[in-house]
Amino acid sequence: MFEIRIICAPGDADRIRAALAKAFTTGPARQYPTRDPGRIRLYITATHRTTDQ
């Protein structure tokens, strides 16, 4: 398990969450403001997907 931190524009947050959910097994995203107005920080806990064959 690892945590991903992303700083982005608020309008990009949903697209980023969806892309990460396709690549990893993710938990709920936590969202916080940044010191720079107009951007947010997303913290997402993720694990690698396993492929059992």
PDB file of N, CA and C in Angstrom:
ATOM      1  N   MET A   1       0.850  -1.159   0.000  1.00  0.00           N
ATOM      2  CA  MET A   1       0.000   0.000   0.000  1.00  0.00           C
ATOM      3  C   MET A   1       0.906   1.235   0.000  1.00  0.00           C
ATOM      4  N   PHE A   2       0.474   2.264  -0.707  1.00  0.00           N
ATOM      5  CA  PHE A   2       1.223   3.511  -0.758  1.00  0.00           C
ATOM      6  C   PHE A   2       0.248   4.664  -0.907  1.00  0.00           C
ATOM      7  N   GLU A   3       0.752   5.869  -0.710  1.00  0.00           N
ATOM      8  CA  GLU A   3      -0.104   7.047  -0.821  1.00  0.00           C
ATOM      9  C   GLU A   3       0.396   7.925  -1.955  1.00  0.00           C
ATOM     10  N   ILE A   4      -0.542   8.424  -2.724  1.00  0.00           N
ATOM     11  CA  ILE A   4      -0.235   9.304  -3.855  1.00  0.00           C
ATOM     12  C   ILE A   4      -0.721  10.704  -3.489  1.00  0.00           C
ATOM     13  N   ARG A   5       0.138  11.694  -3.668  1.00  0.00           N
ATOM     14  CA  ARG A   5      -0.264  13.083  -3.446  1.00  0.00           C
ATOM     15  C   ARG A   5      -0.198  13.802  -4.774  1.00  0.00           C
ATOM     16  N   ILE A   6      -1.261  14.496  -5.091  1.00  0.00           N
ATOM     17  CA  ILE A   6      -1.333  15.234  -6.348  1.00  0.00           C
ATOM     18  C   ILE A   6      -1.795  16.652  -6.052  1.00  0.00           C
ATOM     19  N   ILE A   7      -1.131  17.610  -6.648  1.00  0.00           N
ATOM     20  CA  ILE A   7      -1.554  19.003  -6.574  1.00  0.00           C
ATOM     21  C   ILE A   7      -2.100  19.360  -7.944  1.00  0.00           C
ATOM     22  N   CYS A   8      -3.357  19.820  -7.975  1.00  0.00           N
ATOM     23  CA  CYS A   8      -4.015  20.070  -9.259  1.00  0.00           C
ATOM     24  C   CYS A   8      -5.068  21.163  -9.125  1.00  0.00           C
ATOM     25  N   ALA A   9      -5.611  21.554 -10.259  1.00  0.00           N
ATOM     26  CA  ALA A   9      -6.746  22.476 -10.279  1.00  0.00           C
ATOM     27  C   ALA A   9      -7.990  21.708  -9.834  1.00  0.00           C
ATOM     28  N   PRO A  10      -8.905  22.346  -9.133  1.00  0.00           N
ATOM     29  CA  PRO A  10     -10.106  21.649  -8.671  1.00  0.00           C
ATOM     30  C   PRO A  10     -10.898  20.991  -9.803  1.00  0.00           C
ATOM     31  N   GLY A  11     -10.895  21.578 -10.973  1.00  0.00           N
ATOM     32  CA  GLY A  11     -11.631  21.023 -12.099  1.00  0.00           C
ATOM     33  C   GLY A  11     -11.051  19.725 -12.645  1.00  0.00           C
ATOM     34  N   ASP A  12      -9.803  19.420 -12.300  1.00  0.00           N
ATOM     35  CA  ASP A  12      -9.153  18.196 -12.774  1.00  0.00           C
ATOM     36  C   ASP A  12      -9.277  17.030 -11.792  1.00  0.00           C
ATOM     37  N   ALA A  13      -9.758  17.282 -10.598  1.00  0.00           N
ATOM     38  CA  ALA A  13      -9.753  16.275  -9.527  1.00  0.00           C
ATOM     39  C   ALA A  13     -10.528  15.012  -9.904  1.00  0.00           C
ATOM     40  N   ASP A  14     -11.720  15.140 -10.439  1.00  0.00           N
ATOM     41  CA  ASP A  14     -12.524  13.956 -10.785  1.00  0.00           C
ATOM     42  C   ASP A  14     -11.845  13.112 -11.865  1.00  0.00           C
ATOM     43  N   ARG A  15     -11.275  13.749 -12.852  1.00  0.00           N
ATOM     44  CA  ARG A  15     -10.580  13.033 -13.931  1.00  0.00           C
ATOM     45  C   ARG A  15      -9.359  12.285 -13.384  1.00  0.00           C
ATOM     46  N   ILE A  16      -8.638  12.919 -12.485  1.00  0.00           N
ATOM     47  CA  ILE A  16      -7.459  12.287 -11.882  1.00  0.00           C
ATOM     48  C   ILE A  16      -7.865  11.103 -11.017  1.00  0.00           C
ATOM     49  N   ARG A  17      -8.894  11.273 -10.202  1.00  0.00           N
ATOM     50  CA  ARG A  17      -9.377  10.158  -9.367  1.00  0.00           C
ATOM     51  C   ARG A  17      -9.784   8.966 -10.231  1.00  0.00           C
ATOM     52  N   ALA A  18     -10.491   9.230 -11.304  1.00  0.00           N
ATOM     53  CA  ALA A  18     -10.939   8.147 -12.188  1.00  0.00           C
ATOM     54  C   ALA A  18      -9.761   7.440 -12.846  1.00  0.00           C
ATOM     55  N   ALA A  19      -8.763   8.192 -13.296  1.00  0.00           N
ATOM     56  CA  ALA A  19      -7.596   7.583 -13.942  1.00  0.00           C
ATOM     57  C   ALA A  19      -6.816   6.715 -12.953  1.00  0.00           C
ATOM     58  N   LEU A  20      -6.661   7.182 -11.732  1.00  0.00           N
ATOM     59  CA  LEU A  20      -5.946   6.390 -10.732  1.00  0.00           C
ATOM     60  C   LEU A  20      -6.735   5.141 -10.348  1.00  0.00           C
ATOM     61  N   ALA A  21      -8.051   5.251 -10.297  1.00  0.00           N
ATOM     62  CA  ALA A  21      -8.885   4.089  -9.963  1.00  0.00           C
ATOM     63  C   ALA A  21      -8.804   3.014 -11.050  1.00  0.00           C
ATOM     64  N   LYS A  22      -8.548   3.407 -12.290  1.00  0.00           N
ATOM     65  CA  LYS A  22      -8.365   2.430 -13.369  1.00  0.00           C
ATOM     66  C   LYS A  22      -7.036   1.695 -13.243  1.00  0.00           C
ATOM     67  N   ALA A  23      -6.007   2.398 -12.753  1.00  0.00           N
ATOM     68  CA  ALA A  23      -4.667   1.827 -12.683  1.00  0.00           C
ATOM     69  C   ALA A  23      -4.384   1.086 -11.378  1.00  0.00           C
ATOM     70  N   PHE A  24      -5.044   1.493 -10.289  1.00  0.00           N
ATOM     71  CA  PHE A  24      -4.777   0.935  -8.970  1.00  0.00           C
ATOM     72  C   PHE A  24      -6.093   0.633  -8.259  1.00  0.00           C
ATOM     73  N   THR A  25      -5.990  -0.123  -7.189  1.00  0.00           N
ATOM     74  CA  THR A  25      -7.112  -0.248  -6.259  1.00  0.00           C
ATOM     75  C   THR A  25      -6.940   0.905  -5.280  1.00  0.00           C
ATOM     76  N   THR A  26      -7.915   1.816  -5.251  1.00  0.00           N
ATOM     77  CA  THR A  26      -7.764   3.037  -4.454  1.00  0.00           C
ATOM     78  C   THR A  26      -8.792   3.119  -3.345  1.00  0.00           C
ATOM     79  N   GLY A  27      -8.440   3.860  -2.323  1.00  0.00           N
ATOM     80  CA  GLY A  27      -9.368   4.199  -1.259  1.00  0.00           C
ATOM     81  C   GLY A  27      -9.971   5.558  -1.557  1.00  0.00           C
ATOM     82  N   PRO A  28     -10.747   6.078  -0.638  1.00  0.00           N
ATOM     83  CA  PRO A  28     -11.335   7.404  -0.863  1.00  0.00           C
ATOM     84  C   PRO A  28     -10.260   8.480  -0.892  1.00  0.00           C
ATOM     85  N   ALA A  29     -10.470   9.474  -1.719  1.00  0.00           N
ATOM     86  CA  ALA A  29      -9.513  10.581  -1.830  1.00  0.00           C
ATOM     87  C   ALA A  29      -9.796  11.600  -0.736  1.00  0.00           C
ATOM     88  N   ARG A  30      -8.725  12.113  -0.157  1.00  0.00           N
ATOM     89  CA  ARG A  30      -8.855  13.208   0.795  1.00  0.00           C
ATOM     90  C   ARG A  30      -8.406  14.476   0.084  1.00  0.00           C
ATOM     91  N   GLN A  31      -9.125  15.545   0.283  1.00  0.00           N
ATOM     92  CA  GLN A  31      -8.859  16.784  -0.452  1.00  0.00           C
ATOM     93  C   GLN A  31      -8.614  17.922   0.526  1.00  0.00           C
ATOM     94  N   TYR A  32      -7.533  18.677   0.285  1.00  0.00           N
ATOM     95  CA  TYR A  32      -7.171  19.803   1.134  1.00  0.00           C
ATOM     96  C   TYR A  32      -6.764  20.976   0.251  1.00  0.00           C
ATOM     97  N   PRO A  33      -6.907  22.199   0.759  1.00  0.00           N
ATOM     98  CA  PRO A  33      -6.451  23.357  -0.023  1.00  0.00           C
ATOM     99  C   PRO A  33      -4.928  23.437  -0.027  1.00  0.00           C
ATOM    100  N   THR A  34      -4.385  24.179  -0.970  1.00  0.00           N
ATOM    101  CA  THR A  34      -2.946  24.454  -1.002  1.00  0.00           C
ATOM    102  C   THR A  34      -2.717  25.894  -0.558  1.00  0.00           C
ATOM    103  N   ARG A  35      -1.474  26.243  -0.349  1.00  0.00           N
ATOM    104  CA  ARG A  35      -1.143  27.644  -0.041  1.00  0.00           C
ATOM    105  C   ARG A  35      -1.316  28.517  -1.278  1.00  0.00           C
ATOM    106  N   ASP A  36      -1.221  27.886  -2.445  1.00  0.00           N
ATOM    107  CA  ASP A  36      -1.386  28.580  -3.717  1.00  0.00           C
ATOM    108  C   ASP A  36      -2.874  28.589  -4.071  1.00  0.00           C
ATOM    109  N   PRO A  37      -3.517  29.744  -4.090  1.00  0.00           N
ATOM    110  CA  PRO A  37      -4.952  29.770  -4.403  1.00  0.00           C
ATOM    111  C   PRO A  37      -5.243  29.166  -5.782  1.00  0.00           C
ATOM    112  N   GLY A  38      -6.366  28.514  -5.888  1.00  0.00           N
ATOM    113  CA  GLY A  38      -6.775  27.947  -7.166  1.00  0.00           C
ATOM    114  C   GLY A  38      -6.322  26.524  -7.391  1.00  0.00           C
ATOM    115  N   ARG A  39      -5.648  25.921  -6.417  1.00  0.00           N
ATOM    116  CA  ARG A  39      -5.233  24.527  -6.556  1.00  0.00           C
ATOM    117  C   ARG A  39      -5.600  23.770  -5.284  1.00  0.00           C
ATOM    118  N   ILE A  40      -5.658  22.450  -5.396  1.00  0.00           N
ATOM    119  CA  ILE A  40      -5.960  21.594  -4.252  1.00  0.00           C
ATOM    120  C   ILE A  40      -4.933  20.476  -4.165  1.00  0.00           C
ATOM    121  N   ARG A  41      -4.872  19.836  -3.009  1.00  0.00           N
ATOM    122  CA  ARG A  41      -4.032  18.648  -2.818  1.00  0.00           C
ATOM    123  C   ARG A  41      -4.954  17.457  -2.664  1.00  0.00           C
ATOM    124  N   LEU A  42      -4.691  16.416  -3.399  1.00  0.00           N
ATOM    125  CA  LEU A  42      -5.416  15.153  -3.264  1.00  0.00           C
ATOM    126  C   LEU A  42      -4.472  14.117  -2.681  1.00  0.00           C
ATOM    127  N   TYR A  43      -4.942  13.388  -1.690  1.00  0.00           N
ATOM    128  CA  TYR A  43      -4.188  12.272  -1.125  1.00  0.00           C
ATOM    129  C   TYR A  43      -5.027  11.026  -1.347  1.00  0.00           C
ATOM    130  N   ILE A  44      -4.443  10.051  -2.022  1.00  0.00           N
ATOM    131  CA  ILE A  44      -5.167   8.823  -2.355  1.00  0.00           C
ATOM    132  C   ILE A  44      -4.317   7.629  -1.949  1.00  0.00           C
ATOM    133  N   THR A  45      -4.882   6.764  -1.119  1.00  0.00           N
ATOM    134  CA  THR A  45      -4.200   5.528  -0.744  1.00  0.00           C
ATOM    135  C   THR A  45      -4.484   4.505  -1.830  1.00  0.00           C
ATOM    136  N   ALA A  46      -3.435   3.813  -2.275  1.00  0.00           N
ATOM    137  CA  ALA A  46      -3.577   2.883  -3.397  1.00  0.00           C
ATOM    138  C   ALA A  46      -2.765   1.618  -3.138  1.00  0.00           C
ATOM    139  N   THR A  47      -3.170   0.564  -3.833  1.00  0.00           N
ATOM    140  CA  THR A  47      -2.397  -0.681  -3.855  1.00  0.00           C
ATOM    141  C   THR A  47      -2.331  -1.129  -5.301  1.00  0.00           C
ATOM    142  N   HIS A  48      -1.308  -1.897  -5.599  1.00  0.00           N
ATOM    143  CA  HIS A  48      -1.175  -2.453  -6.946  1.00  0.00           C
ATOM    144  C   HIS A  48      -2.275  -3.492  -7.164  1.00  0.00           C
ATOM    145  N   ARG A  49      -2.803  -3.516  -8.347  1.00  0.00           N
ATOM    146  CA  ARG A  49      -3.786  -4.552  -8.687  1.00  0.00           C
ATOM    147  C   ARG A  49      -3.043  -5.864  -8.940  1.00  0.00           C
ATOM    148  N   THR A  50      -3.639  -6.937  -8.492  1.00  0.00           N
ATOM    149  CA  THR A  50      -3.032  -8.247  -8.763  1.00  0.00           C
ATOM    150  C   THR A  50      -3.780  -8.897  -9.905  1.00  0.00           C
ATOM    151  N   THR A  51      -3.046  -9.639 -10.703  1.00  0.00           N
ATOM    152  CA  THR A  51      -3.662 -10.357 -11.803  1.00  0.00           C
ATOM    153  C   THR A  51      -3.401 -11.839 -11.584  1.00  0.00           C
ATOM    154  N   ASP A  52      -4.400 -12.532 -11.091  1.00  0.00           N
ATOM    155  CA  ASP A  52      -4.293 -13.969 -10.867  1.00  0.00           C
ATOM    156  C   ASP A  52      -4.662 -14.688 -12.152  1.00  0.00           C
ATOM    157  N   GLN A  53      -3.764 -15.539 -12.614  1.00  0.00           N
ATOM    158  CA  GLN A  53      -4.020 -16.254 -13.853  1.00  0.00           C
ATOM    159  C   GLN A  53      -3.982 -17.725 -13.632  1.00  0.00           C
TER     160      GLN A  53
END
